[in-house]
Protein backbone atom coordinates (compact mmCIF):
# COMPACT_ATOMS: atom_id res chain seq x y z
CA UNK A 1 46.68 31.33 -235.64
CA UNK A 2 48.60 32.04 -232.45
CA UNK A 3 51.46 34.51 -232.09
CA UNK A 4 54.77 33.18 -230.78
CA UNK A 5 55.32 36.27 -228.65
CA UNK A 6 59.06 36.62 -228.05
CA UNK A 7 58.56 39.49 -225.60
CA UNK A 8 56.38 37.33 -223.32
CA UNK A 9 58.66 34.29 -223.52
CA UNK A 10 61.79 36.42 -222.94
CA UNK A 11 60.10 38.09 -219.96
CA UNK A 12 59.49 34.67 -218.37
CA UNK A 13 63.19 33.79 -218.83
CA UNK A 14 64.29 37.17 -217.44
CA UNK A 15 62.09 36.73 -214.36
CA UNK A 16 63.58 33.28 -213.75
CA UNK A 17 67.14 34.62 -214.13
CA UNK A 18 66.35 37.59 -211.82
CA UNK A 19 65.20 35.14 -209.14
CA UNK A 20 68.33 32.98 -209.56
CA UNK A 21 70.63 36.03 -209.43
CA UNK A 22 68.91 37.26 -206.25
CA UNK A 23 69.48 33.83 -204.65
CA UNK A 24 73.19 34.05 -205.57
CA UNK A 25 73.64 37.53 -204.09
CA UNK A 26 71.65 36.58 -200.96
CA UNK A 27 74.12 33.71 -200.50
CA UNK A 28 77.00 36.21 -200.74
CA UNK A 29 78.12 35.00 -204.17
CA UNK A 30 79.21 37.23 -207.08
CA UNK A 31 76.74 38.02 -209.86
CA UNK A 32 77.08 36.63 -213.42
CA UNK A 33 79.12 39.14 -215.46
CA UNK A 34 78.84 39.79 -219.22
CA UNK A 35 81.47 41.89 -221.02
CA UNK A 36 80.71 43.37 -224.45
CA UNK A 37 83.09 45.06 -226.88
CA UNK A 38 81.69 47.54 -229.39
CA UNK A 39 83.99 48.70 -232.20
CA UNK A 40 83.01 51.91 -234.01
CA UNK A 41 79.50 53.36 -233.93
CA UNK A 42 77.31 51.37 -236.30
CA UNK A 43 73.69 52.34 -235.50
CA UNK A 44 72.24 48.83 -235.37
CA UNK A 45 75.17 47.54 -233.27
CA UNK A 46 74.75 50.46 -230.82
CA UNK A 47 71.07 49.51 -230.39
CA UNK A 48 71.79 45.80 -229.87
CA UNK A 49 74.55 46.40 -227.33
CA UNK A 50 72.54 49.01 -225.40
CA UNK A 51 69.68 46.52 -225.18
CA UNK A 52 71.98 43.77 -223.87
CA UNK A 53 73.52 46.07 -221.22
CA UNK A 54 70.06 47.32 -220.14
CA UNK A 55 68.72 43.76 -219.79
CA UNK A 56 71.74 42.75 -217.68
CA UNK A 57 70.93 45.62 -215.29
CA UNK A 58 67.24 44.59 -215.18
CA UNK A 59 67.98 41.02 -214.07
CA UNK A 60 70.87 41.86 -211.74
CA UNK A 61 73.83 40.71 -213.88
CA UNK A 62 77.03 42.75 -213.91
CA UNK A 63 77.95 44.09 -217.33
CA UNK A 64 80.95 45.87 -218.80
CA UNK A 65 80.84 47.70 -222.13
CA UNK A 66 84.17 48.47 -223.79
CA UNK A 67 83.87 50.99 -226.61
CA UNK A 68 86.70 51.08 -229.13
CA UNK A 69 87.07 53.44 -232.10
CA UNK A 70 86.58 52.11 -235.66
CA UNK A 71 90.28 52.85 -236.19
CA UNK A 72 91.39 50.34 -233.51
CA UNK A 73 93.98 47.89 -234.84
CA UNK A 74 93.36 44.15 -234.89
CA UNK A 75 96.18 43.63 -232.36
CA UNK A 76 94.71 46.18 -229.95
CA UNK A 77 91.31 44.48 -230.13
CA UNK A 78 92.89 41.04 -229.56
CA UNK A 79 94.71 42.45 -226.50
CA UNK A 80 91.39 43.74 -225.08
CA UNK A 81 89.87 40.24 -225.55
CA UNK A 82 92.87 38.60 -223.87
CA UNK A 83 92.49 40.92 -220.86
CA UNK A 84 88.83 39.85 -220.53
CA UNK A 85 89.81 36.17 -220.93
CA UNK A 86 92.14 36.59 -217.94
CA UNK A 87 89.65 38.60 -215.87
CA UNK A 88 88.30 36.12 -213.28
CA UNK A 89 85.20 38.25 -212.67
CA UNK A 90 84.00 38.08 -216.30
CA UNK A 91 81.91 35.01 -217.23
CA UNK A 92 80.89 35.85 -220.79
CA UNK A 93 82.50 37.86 -223.59
CA UNK A 94 80.83 39.07 -226.76
CA UNK A 95 82.30 41.17 -229.54
CA UNK A 96 79.49 42.86 -231.45
CA UNK A 97 79.60 42.05 -235.16
CA UNK A 98 80.07 43.30 -237.86
CA UNK A 99 83.62 44.58 -237.38
CA UNK A 100 85.50 47.13 -239.53
CA UNK A 101 86.95 45.58 -242.72
CA UNK A 102 90.58 45.72 -241.53
CA UNK A 103 89.84 43.28 -238.66
CA UNK A 104 89.45 39.52 -239.20
CA UNK A 105 86.18 38.32 -237.66
CA UNK A 106 87.42 34.72 -237.48
CA UNK A 107 90.60 35.77 -235.60
CA UNK A 108 88.48 37.73 -233.12
CA UNK A 109 86.00 34.86 -232.61
CA UNK A 110 88.87 32.41 -232.05
CA UNK A 111 90.53 34.77 -229.56
CA UNK A 112 87.63 34.47 -227.10
CA UNK A 113 88.23 31.62 -224.65
CA UNK A 114 85.67 28.81 -225.28
CA UNK A 115 84.62 28.90 -221.60
CA UNK A 116 83.48 32.53 -222.09
CA UNK A 117 82.16 32.22 -225.64
CA UNK A 118 78.53 33.15 -224.89
CA UNK A 119 77.87 33.97 -228.56
CA UNK A 120 78.62 30.32 -229.38
CA UNK A 121 80.73 31.12 -232.47
CA UNK A 122 84.11 29.66 -231.41
CA UNK A 123 85.11 26.54 -233.42
CA UNK A 124 85.19 24.55 -230.13
CA UNK A 125 81.59 25.57 -229.36
CA UNK A 126 80.50 24.75 -232.92
CA UNK A 127 82.26 21.37 -232.81
CA UNK A 128 80.59 20.51 -229.49
CA UNK A 129 77.20 21.53 -230.88
CA UNK A 130 77.63 19.31 -233.95
CA UNK A 131 78.71 16.33 -231.82
CA UNK A 132 75.90 16.91 -229.32
CA UNK A 133 78.20 17.71 -226.38
CA UNK A 134 77.18 20.39 -223.82
CA UNK A 135 78.20 23.80 -225.17
CA UNK A 136 77.16 27.38 -225.83
CA UNK A 137 74.64 27.55 -228.67
CA UNK A 138 74.60 30.75 -230.80
CA UNK A 139 72.15 33.14 -229.15
CA UNK A 140 69.54 33.39 -231.94
CA UNK A 141 69.12 29.62 -232.53
CA UNK A 142 69.14 29.10 -228.73
CA UNK A 143 66.46 31.79 -228.39
CA UNK A 144 64.34 30.03 -231.05
CA UNK A 145 64.64 26.70 -229.16
CA UNK A 146 63.59 28.46 -225.93
CA UNK A 147 60.62 30.02 -227.75
CA UNK A 148 59.46 26.65 -229.13
CA UNK A 149 59.81 25.22 -225.61
CA UNK A 150 57.88 28.07 -224.00
CA UNK A 151 54.90 27.46 -226.30
CA UNK A 152 55.23 23.64 -226.17
CA UNK A 153 55.45 23.38 -229.96
CA UNK A 154 55.58 19.73 -231.03
CA UNK A 155 58.72 19.14 -233.15
CA UNK A 156 59.24 15.37 -233.10
CA UNK A 157 58.90 13.81 -236.55
CA UNK A 158 58.08 17.17 -238.17
CA UNK A 159 59.59 18.37 -241.44
CA UNK A 160 61.49 21.61 -240.79
CA UNK A 161 62.66 23.78 -243.68
CA UNK A 162 65.40 26.29 -242.82
CA UNK A 163 65.86 29.06 -245.41
CA UNK A 164 69.37 30.51 -245.08
CA UNK A 165 72.71 28.85 -244.26
CA UNK A 166 74.60 31.48 -242.24
CA UNK A 167 76.84 30.22 -239.44
CA UNK A 168 74.95 32.54 -237.07
CA UNK A 169 71.43 31.16 -237.64
CA UNK A 170 70.66 28.85 -240.58
CA UNK A 171 73.33 26.17 -240.24
CA UNK A 172 73.18 25.83 -236.42
CA UNK A 173 69.37 25.84 -236.56
CA UNK A 174 69.39 22.92 -239.02
CA UNK A 175 71.71 20.94 -236.71
CA UNK A 176 69.74 21.71 -233.53
CA UNK A 177 66.35 20.83 -235.01
CA UNK A 178 67.66 17.45 -236.20
CA UNK A 179 69.16 16.48 -232.79
CA UNK A 180 67.64 13.65 -230.78
CA UNK A 181 66.17 15.96 -228.11
CA UNK A 182 63.37 18.47 -227.56
CA UNK A 183 62.98 20.81 -229.37
CA UNK A 184 64.34 18.66 -232.19
CA UNK A 185 63.88 15.25 -233.76
CA UNK A 186 62.82 16.97 -236.98
CA UNK A 187 63.64 15.93 -240.52
CA UNK A 188 65.46 19.04 -241.73
CA UNK A 189 65.90 20.52 -245.19
CA UNK A 190 68.26 23.49 -245.46
CA UNK A 191 67.64 25.84 -248.40
CA UNK A 192 69.58 28.78 -249.82
CA UNK A 193 69.98 30.98 -252.90
CA UNK A 194 70.91 28.00 -255.12
CA UNK A 195 67.89 25.87 -254.11
CA UNK A 196 65.86 25.30 -257.28
CA UNK A 197 62.55 23.98 -255.92
CA UNK A 198 62.32 26.24 -252.85
CA UNK A 199 58.56 26.84 -253.01
CA UNK A 200 57.87 23.12 -253.38
CA UNK A 201 60.04 22.30 -250.34
CA UNK A 202 58.46 25.06 -248.22
CA UNK A 203 54.99 23.70 -249.01
CA UNK A 204 56.05 20.37 -247.45
CA UNK A 205 57.24 22.05 -244.24
CA UNK A 206 55.53 21.69 -240.86
CA UNK A 207 58.00 24.26 -239.52
CA UNK A 208 59.64 27.04 -241.56
CA UNK A 209 62.59 29.01 -240.19
CA UNK A 210 63.12 32.01 -242.49
CA UNK A 211 66.63 33.41 -241.95
CA UNK A 212 67.85 34.79 -245.27
CA UNK A 213 67.67 38.54 -244.61
CA UNK A 214 65.37 39.45 -247.52
CA UNK A 215 62.31 41.48 -246.59
CA UNK A 216 58.96 39.72 -247.13
CA UNK A 217 60.51 36.89 -249.17
CA UNK A 218 58.17 34.15 -247.90
CA UNK A 219 54.66 34.57 -249.31
CA UNK A 220 51.38 32.75 -248.58
CA UNK A 221 51.72 30.47 -251.61
CA UNK A 222 54.89 28.98 -250.04
CA UNK A 223 53.27 28.00 -246.74
CA UNK A 224 50.98 25.05 -246.10
CA UNK A 225 47.91 25.31 -243.87
CA UNK A 226 48.78 24.87 -240.18
CA UNK A 227 52.55 25.38 -240.49
CA UNK A 228 54.66 26.94 -237.72
CA UNK A 229 56.61 29.93 -239.09
CA UNK A 230 59.67 31.41 -237.34
CA UNK A 231 60.73 34.71 -238.93
CA UNK A 232 64.35 35.56 -238.09
CA UNK A 233 64.73 38.40 -240.61
CA UNK A 234 64.70 42.08 -239.72
CA UNK A 235 65.21 44.62 -242.49
CA UNK A 236 64.72 48.39 -242.43
CA UNK A 237 62.43 49.37 -245.31
CA UNK A 238 61.85 53.02 -246.25
CA UNK A 239 58.41 54.15 -245.01
CA UNK A 240 57.42 57.82 -245.31
CA UNK A 241 54.43 57.30 -242.99
CA UNK A 242 56.74 56.53 -240.05
CA UNK A 243 58.44 59.19 -237.93
CA UNK A 244 61.74 57.30 -238.20
CA UNK A 245 61.41 57.16 -242.02
CA UNK A 246 61.48 53.35 -242.06
CA UNK A 247 59.54 50.32 -240.88
CA UNK A 248 60.93 46.95 -239.82
CA UNK A 249 60.03 43.98 -242.01
CA UNK A 250 60.73 40.30 -241.48
CA UNK A 251 61.57 37.69 -244.13
CA UNK A 252 57.88 36.69 -244.16
CA UNK A 253 54.90 38.60 -245.60
CA UNK A 254 53.21 38.52 -242.21
CA UNK A 255 49.73 39.79 -243.13
CA UNK A 256 49.19 37.23 -245.88
CA UNK A 257 51.09 34.29 -244.30
CA UNK A 258 49.72 34.55 -240.72
CA UNK A 259 46.16 33.36 -241.53
CA UNK A 260 47.60 30.07 -242.88
CA UNK A 261 49.74 29.33 -239.80
CA UNK A 262 49.09 27.53 -236.54
CA UNK A 263 51.86 29.67 -234.97
CA UNK A 264 53.95 32.56 -236.28
CA UNK A 265 56.50 35.01 -234.81
CA UNK A 266 55.89 38.73 -235.29
CA UNK A 267 58.60 41.18 -236.43
CA UNK A 268 59.58 43.00 -234.30
CA UNK A 269 58.84 41.26 -230.98
CA UNK A 270 59.43 37.64 -231.99
CA UNK A 271 62.96 36.25 -232.37
CA UNK A 272 64.72 39.53 -231.38
CA UNK A 273 63.93 39.48 -227.63
CA UNK A 274 64.67 35.72 -227.57
CA UNK A 275 68.19 36.30 -228.94
CA UNK A 276 68.98 38.42 -225.89
CA UNK A 277 67.34 35.78 -223.65
CA UNK A 278 69.57 33.12 -225.24
CA UNK A 279 72.67 35.25 -224.62
CA UNK A 280 71.75 35.77 -220.96
CA UNK A 281 71.09 32.04 -220.49
CA UNK A 282 74.53 31.32 -221.98
CA UNK A 283 76.10 33.85 -219.59
CA UNK A 284 74.34 32.27 -216.60
CA UNK A 285 75.42 28.78 -217.72
CA UNK A 286 79.04 30.02 -218.12
CA UNK A 287 78.83 31.35 -214.54
CA UNK A 288 77.50 28.01 -213.24
CA UNK A 289 80.28 26.09 -215.02
CA UNK A 290 82.95 28.29 -213.42
CA UNK A 291 81.43 28.12 -209.93
CA UNK A 292 80.37 24.47 -209.90
């Protein structure tokens, strides 16, 4: 069993982007610029955004963080997005989800100009992804593709089972793994809460992508010998032995599943760092598109 170490793979991507950014600044060109909007003060969102801003600084990207109160109106938020759309210096825009209940997520996603949609959620980006046209891929699926690439995982002709059908991970992952490219060329089965023979399907899988958000859902009796397991889940589970009062669990029972795998991602330290790497790659690609 080998660990698919997201920290190591993300570090390689960050070093490459640092080098490219240095070349740009040495040539007197502006740096890639990511703008993030954070509404309210949800703990997990605070952590994610802080991590994104910190990584931008590490690799030499410009970043702007706009903090808005949870009481902000939908119109005010849409105006902030429009200002960033018009700002020539900003290459990528992300609005950290989830948003307060009085704001429509789909309206907000559609308000971001497709050329700056580094989260890859805009209907134009999704449509391009489905048709195989160049586009921004949602950061987590993109990060998973980059991870598979980094470790040279063979995907052609493999049976991939994706558990979870969210528009953020499960559905795009199923599309990307079935594309005629690398990583891809898989036969893909997408499973969800209504799938009756889930265990049976998982046992046929060469690659399992677990993205359903239920702690330790995938057990050893669902995984065939030698499978590649990508664990996208991250759930806080109460743990009195930890200083924080909780531990982080993936969707996979790591200790019992790992011995059966050829490769497996840890939680934390697997898909998480790769999501940020995917976002930064999207931002760099948005910059290149604008300046080409």
